[in-house]
Amino acid sequence: MLNKLAASELVLNDDGSVYHLNLLPEDIAEKIILVGDPDRVAKVSKYFDKVEIKKNKREFYTHTGTLRGERITVMSTGIGTENIDIVMNELDALVNIDLKNKEFKTGHKALELFRMGTCGSVNPDVQVDNMLVTQNVVGLDGLMHFYQDYNFENEFSRNFLEKFPYAKIKPMLYFADWAEDIAGYYEDAKYHGNTATFPGFYAPQGRQLRLKALDDKFLETLNELGITNFEMETSAIYALSKLLGHKAITVNNVIANRRRGEFSADHHASEQNLITWVLDRIIK
């Protein structure tokens, strides 16, 4: 690949900001909290001592400020790994590409990325309204098969692939795990587990309205294969972080236990608890 990027490959806005996120390099900190819901950005940044940057475009809202003397960013990604593909590549471009000259920088900067979201549990023993940190993740959306250099396996992935019974879905699977050197931020979380990232909310998560899901026992089967919970973003965050040289970790608030048919009695209170819990740990 040539060092100089074509205008069609690195698309910028008229002010030189990256196309979707609408951000300039100086608009972000090296610690970034990623949330799905744009409304959650202000719920996080209200705890900052000062907010200096507020920008948005489409579903991508960004607030950057300081907390306890340290610069920090919170950004919404919207739903799904297809949005994460945009977020991760444009965040990396902000720190590792000279946007003005559209050339790769000679040095590499690693961001610390903290996904903070909600999830459902497939493990009947996991209680709702508690924090669950993702150690291993399997993506069922196929995203990383579009990237040449991605190759990851560990004991969890090997065992999962060996026993996964759904032949149509199996070619789409890919795996990743947390950045172990920042896992210490969350060592006191109630749960640590293995997450499945799905490409949809209904049939992929076993829900059936007018359309039938693949298998009535899908979630139960995933639990038997070692999956603790599921959501829609972490696999892309972890895998693209590894490929791009960033550090990522996810903590989700468990708002539903699908195996027991339970939903949080007050997930808004749980959300606030999660926000303060995360901020107290990543900014000492």
Protein backbone atom coordinates (compact mmCIF):
# COMPACT_ATOMS: atom_id res chain seq x y z
CA MET A 1 0.00 0.00 0.00
CA LEU A 2 1.26 3.47 -0.85
CA ASN A 3 1.74 5.82 2.07
CA LYS A 4 -0.38 8.54 0.41
CA LEU A 5 -4.12 7.92 0.78
CA ALA A 6 -6.59 8.85 -1.96
CA ALA A 7 -9.42 11.25 -1.17
CA SER A 8 -11.89 8.42 -1.79
CA GLU A 9 -10.22 6.23 0.89
CA LEU A 10 -9.73 8.72 3.71
CA VAL A 11 -12.83 10.88 3.38
CA LEU A 12 -12.72 14.22 5.19
CA ASN A 13 -15.18 17.03 5.77
CA ASP A 14 -14.54 20.56 4.51
CA ASP A 15 -12.92 21.53 7.83
CA GLY A 16 -10.51 18.59 7.65
CA SER A 17 -12.36 16.46 10.21
CA VAL A 18 -12.93 12.73 9.69
CA TYR A 19 -16.09 12.16 7.71
CA HIS A 20 -18.54 10.37 10.02
CA LEU A 21 -17.30 11.33 13.48
CA ASN A 22 -16.85 15.00 12.50
CA LEU A 23 -13.74 15.22 14.68
CA LEU A 24 -10.26 16.70 14.47
CA PRO A 25 -7.25 15.10 16.18
CA GLU A 26 -7.29 17.62 19.02
CA ASP A 27 -10.93 16.80 19.81
CA ILE A 28 -10.23 13.46 21.50
CA ALA A 29 -8.35 12.23 24.56
CA GLU A 30 -6.28 9.07 24.73
CA LYS A 31 -8.89 7.50 27.05
CA ILE A 32 -12.23 7.13 25.28
CA ILE A 33 -15.47 5.74 26.67
CA LEU A 34 -17.64 4.21 23.96
CA VAL A 35 -21.40 4.05 24.54
CA GLY A 36 -24.08 3.00 22.10
CA ASP A 37 -26.87 5.46 22.86
CA PRO A 38 -26.22 9.13 21.92
CA ASP A 39 -28.33 10.19 24.92
CA ARG A 40 -25.89 8.42 27.24
CA VAL A 41 -23.01 10.74 26.25
CA ALA A 42 -24.36 13.67 28.29
CA LYS A 43 -25.19 11.29 31.14
CA VAL A 44 -21.48 10.49 31.31
CA SER A 45 -20.01 13.92 30.64
CA LYS A 46 -22.12 15.56 33.37
CA TYR A 47 -19.63 14.00 35.80
CA PHE A 48 -16.66 15.69 34.09
CA ASP A 49 -15.17 18.70 35.86
CA LYS A 50 -15.18 20.53 32.53
CA VAL A 51 -16.44 19.77 29.01
CA GLU A 52 -14.42 21.54 26.32
CA ILE A 53 -15.59 19.79 23.13
CA LYS A 54 -19.14 18.93 22.06
CA LYS A 55 -19.56 17.69 18.50
CA ASN A 56 -21.96 15.41 16.68
CA LYS A 57 -22.91 14.07 13.29
CA ARG A 58 -25.63 11.48 12.74
CA GLU A 59 -25.58 9.08 15.72
CA PHE A 60 -21.98 9.92 16.63
CA TYR A 61 -21.92 12.34 19.58
CA THR A 62 -18.63 13.24 21.25
CA HIS A 63 -17.87 15.14 24.47
CA THR A 64 -14.28 15.70 25.60
CA GLY A 65 -13.25 17.28 28.86
CA THR A 66 -11.34 16.71 32.06
CA LEU A 67 -12.02 14.69 35.18
CA ARG A 68 -9.78 14.87 38.23
CA GLY A 69 -7.12 16.58 36.12
CA GLU A 70 -7.11 14.00 33.32
CA ARG A 71 -8.45 14.49 29.80
CA ILE A 72 -11.19 12.05 28.77
CA THR A 73 -13.63 11.54 25.89
CA VAL A 74 -17.05 9.91 25.74
CA MET A 75 -18.49 9.01 22.34
CA SER A 76 -21.63 7.31 21.08
CA THR A 77 -21.30 4.62 18.44
CA GLY A 78 -24.90 3.78 17.68
CA ILE A 79 -25.87 0.12 17.38
CA GLY A 80 -23.96 -2.69 15.72
CA THR A 81 -20.54 -3.73 14.50
CA GLU A 82 -21.00 -1.93 11.18
CA ASN A 83 -20.94 1.34 13.15
CA ILE A 84 -17.95 0.14 15.16
CA ASP A 85 -16.10 -0.40 11.88
CA ILE A 86 -16.54 3.33 11.19
CA VAL A 87 -15.72 4.45 14.72
CA MET A 88 -12.57 2.36 15.11
CA ASN A 89 -11.07 3.25 11.75
CA GLU A 90 -11.78 6.96 12.11
CA LEU A 91 -10.51 7.10 15.70
CA ASP A 92 -7.32 5.42 14.54
CA ALA A 93 -7.02 7.87 11.66
CA LEU A 94 -7.23 10.77 14.12
CA VAL A 95 -4.12 9.62 15.97
CA ASN A 96 -2.10 7.62 13.43
CA ILE A 97 -2.66 9.38 10.10
CA ASP A 98 -1.57 12.88 9.13
CA LEU A 99 -4.98 14.08 7.92
CA LYS A 100 -3.66 17.17 6.17
CA ASN A 101 -1.17 15.24 4.03
CA LYS A 102 -3.14 11.97 4.09
CA GLU A 103 -0.05 10.02 5.05
CA PHE A 104 0.63 7.45 7.75
CA LYS A 105 2.53 8.83 10.73
CA THR A 106 5.90 7.25 11.49
CA GLY A 107 5.07 6.77 15.18
CA HIS A 108 2.09 4.84 16.53
CA LYS A 109 -0.28 6.04 19.25
CA ALA A 110 -2.38 3.51 21.18
CA LEU A 111 -5.75 4.61 22.49
CA GLU A 112 -7.43 3.12 25.56
CA LEU A 113 -11.03 2.29 24.67
CA PHE A 114 -13.67 1.49 27.27
CA ARG A 115 -16.98 0.19 25.98
CA MET A 116 -19.72 0.84 28.53
CA GLY A 117 -23.04 -0.67 27.58
CA THR A 118 -25.89 -3.01 28.39
CA CYS A 119 -26.28 -6.68 27.71
CA GLY A 120 -28.45 -9.72 28.20
CA SER A 121 -27.25 -12.84 29.94
CA VAL A 122 -27.57 -16.42 28.70
CA ASN A 123 -26.24 -17.80 31.98
CA PRO A 124 -29.07 -18.43 34.45
CA ASP A 125 -26.72 -17.79 37.38
CA VAL A 126 -25.92 -14.18 36.39
CA GLN A 127 -27.99 -11.64 38.31
CA VAL A 128 -29.40 -8.54 36.59
CA ASP A 129 -28.23 -5.02 37.51
CA ASN A 130 -24.60 -6.12 37.86
CA MET A 131 -21.43 -5.35 35.92
CA LEU A 132 -20.01 -7.99 33.60
CA VAL A 133 -16.57 -7.57 32.03
CA THR A 134 -15.86 -9.29 28.70
CA GLN A 135 -12.69 -11.38 28.61
CA ASN A 136 -13.29 -13.38 25.42
CA VAL A 137 -15.69 -12.49 22.63
CA VAL A 138 -17.03 -14.25 19.55
CA GLY A 139 -18.44 -12.20 16.69
CA LEU A 140 -21.25 -13.77 14.66
CA ASP A 141 -21.46 -10.91 12.16
CA GLY A 142 -18.52 -11.78 9.87
CA LEU A 143 -16.94 -8.29 9.92
CA MET A 144 -13.33 -9.30 10.44
CA HIS A 145 -13.35 -11.65 7.45
CA PHE A 146 -13.18 -8.50 5.31
CA TYR A 147 -9.76 -7.64 6.81
CA GLN A 148 -6.69 -9.35 5.36
CA ASP A 149 -4.41 -9.53 8.35
CA TYR A 150 -6.75 -10.53 11.15
CA ASN A 151 -6.03 -13.90 12.69
CA PHE A 152 -6.75 -14.74 16.33
CA GLU A 153 -7.15 -17.92 18.28
CA ASN A 154 -6.86 -19.00 21.89
CA GLU A 155 -8.17 -21.84 24.03
CA PHE A 156 -11.67 -20.36 24.19
CA SER A 157 -11.94 -19.89 20.41
CA ARG A 158 -10.64 -23.37 19.65
CA ASN A 159 -13.08 -25.04 22.03
CA PHE A 160 -15.98 -22.90 20.78
CA LEU A 161 -15.32 -23.65 17.11
CA GLU A 162 -14.92 -27.35 17.74
CA LYS A 163 -18.37 -27.64 19.33
CA PHE A 164 -20.36 -24.95 17.49
CA PRO A 165 -23.22 -26.87 15.79
CA TYR A 166 -24.61 -24.33 13.30
CA ALA A 167 -22.94 -24.97 9.95
CA LYS A 168 -24.48 -21.96 8.16
CA ILE A 169 -23.21 -19.50 10.76
CA LYS A 170 -19.81 -21.06 11.49
CA PRO A 171 -17.93 -19.44 8.55
CA MET A 172 -18.86 -15.98 9.88
CA LEU A 173 -17.33 -16.48 13.33
CA TYR A 174 -14.27 -14.59 14.54
CA PHE A 175 -12.77 -14.11 17.99
CA ALA A 176 -10.85 -11.65 20.15
CA ASP A 177 -10.15 -10.95 23.81
CA TRP A 178 -9.63 -8.01 26.12
CA ALA A 179 -6.46 -5.94 26.46
CA GLU A 180 -5.05 -7.71 29.49
CA ASP A 181 -2.81 -4.85 30.54
CA ILE A 182 -5.84 -2.59 31.22
CA ALA A 183 -8.05 -5.33 32.67
CA GLY A 184 -6.92 -4.32 36.15
CA TYR A 185 -9.22 -1.30 36.00
CA TYR A 186 -12.17 -3.65 36.41
CA GLU A 187 -10.79 -6.42 38.59
CA ASP A 188 -13.53 -5.94 41.20
CA ALA A 189 -16.48 -6.37 38.79
CA LYS A 190 -19.01 -8.93 39.99
CA TYR A 191 -18.73 -10.96 36.80
CA HIS A 192 -16.08 -11.66 34.18
CA GLY A 193 -17.21 -13.73 31.22
CA ASN A 194 -17.31 -14.56 27.54
CA THR A 195 -19.52 -12.50 25.24
CA ALA A 196 -21.28 -13.20 21.95
CA THR A 197 -21.73 -10.21 19.64
CA PHE A 198 -24.76 -10.58 17.40
CA PRO A 199 -25.59 -8.87 14.06
CA GLY A 200 -29.21 -8.19 15.04
CA PHE A 201 -31.69 -7.84 17.91
CA TYR A 202 -34.39 -10.32 16.95
CA ALA A 203 -33.63 -13.75 15.45
CA PRO A 204 -29.88 -13.49 16.14
CA GLN A 205 -30.75 -13.05 19.82
CA GLY A 206 -33.36 -15.78 19.75
CA ARG A 207 -36.39 -13.46 19.62
CA GLN A 208 -39.35 -14.49 17.50
CA LEU A 209 -42.18 -12.19 16.45
CA ARG A 210 -43.65 -13.07 13.05
CA LEU A 211 -40.40 -14.68 11.88
CA LYS A 212 -38.95 -17.86 13.32
CA ALA A 213 -35.42 -17.91 14.71
CA LEU A 214 -32.94 -20.54 13.61
CA ASP A 215 -33.21 -22.60 16.77
CA ASP A 216 -35.36 -22.30 19.89
CA LYS A 217 -32.35 -23.49 21.92
CA PHE A 218 -29.82 -21.08 20.41
CA LEU A 219 -29.09 -19.09 23.58
CA GLU A 220 -28.97 -22.23 25.69
CA THR A 221 -26.50 -23.78 23.25
CA LEU A 222 -24.27 -20.71 23.43
CA ASN A 223 -24.26 -20.91 27.23
CA GLU A 224 -23.21 -24.56 27.01
CA LEU A 225 -20.31 -23.43 24.79
CA GLY A 226 -19.11 -21.02 27.49
CA ILE A 227 -20.95 -17.81 26.56
CA THR A 228 -22.04 -15.69 29.52
CA ASN A 229 -23.78 -12.76 27.81
CA PHE A 230 -24.53 -11.14 24.48
CA GLU A 231 -24.68 -7.68 22.89
CA MET A 232 -23.93 -6.05 19.52
CA GLU A 233 -20.56 -4.24 19.51
CA THR A 234 -17.70 -5.79 21.51
CA SER A 235 -16.33 -8.27 18.97
CA ALA A 236 -15.55 -5.48 16.49
CA ILE A 237 -14.09 -3.22 19.19
CA TYR A 238 -11.77 -5.95 20.49
CA ALA A 239 -10.75 -7.33 17.09
CA LEU A 240 -10.14 -3.99 15.39
CA SER A 241 -8.24 -2.77 18.47
CA LYS A 242 -5.88 -5.72 18.13
CA LEU A 243 -5.43 -5.14 14.42
CA LEU A 244 -4.87 -1.39 14.81
CA GLY A 245 -2.76 -1.56 17.98
CA HIS A 246 -5.17 -0.08 20.53
CA LYS A 247 -6.29 -1.35 23.94
CA ALA A 248 -9.93 -2.16 24.58
CA ILE A 249 -12.09 -3.53 27.36
CA THR A 250 -15.86 -3.81 27.75
CA VAL A 251 -18.02 -3.69 30.83
CA ASN A 252 -21.77 -4.11 30.39
CA ASN A 253 -24.60 -3.71 32.82
CA VAL A 254 -26.69 -6.88 32.74
CA ILE A 255 -30.24 -5.63 32.27
CA ALA A 256 -31.84 -8.94 31.27
CA ASN A 257 -31.43 -12.62 32.02
CA ARG A 258 -32.99 -14.32 29.02
CA ARG A 259 -32.74 -17.82 30.45
CA ARG A 260 -34.80 -16.77 33.48
CA GLY A 261 -37.03 -14.29 31.63
CA GLU A 262 -35.98 -11.42 33.92
CA PHE A 263 -35.52 -7.73 33.10
CA SER A 264 -34.08 -5.00 35.31
CA ALA A 265 -36.69 -3.35 37.53
CA ASP A 266 -34.91 0.02 37.07
CA HIS A 267 -32.29 -0.08 34.34
CA HIS A 268 -31.92 3.73 34.47
CA ALA A 269 -30.62 3.48 38.05
CA SER A 270 -28.34 0.63 36.97
CA GLU A 271 -27.04 2.79 34.12
CA GLN A 272 -26.08 5.59 36.53
CA ASN A 273 -24.36 3.10 38.81
CA LEU A 274 -22.39 1.77 35.86
CA ILE A 275 -21.30 5.26 34.76
CA THR A 276 -19.94 6.28 38.16
CA TRP A 277 -18.40 2.84 38.69
CA VAL A 278 -16.46 3.10 35.41
CA LEU A 279 -15.35 6.71 35.89
CA ASP A 280 -14.10 5.99 39.42
CA ARG A 281 -11.89 3.23 38.05
CA ILE A 282 -10.45 4.60 34.83
CA ILE A 283 -9.77 8.09 36.25
CA LYS A 284 -8.38 7.62 39.74
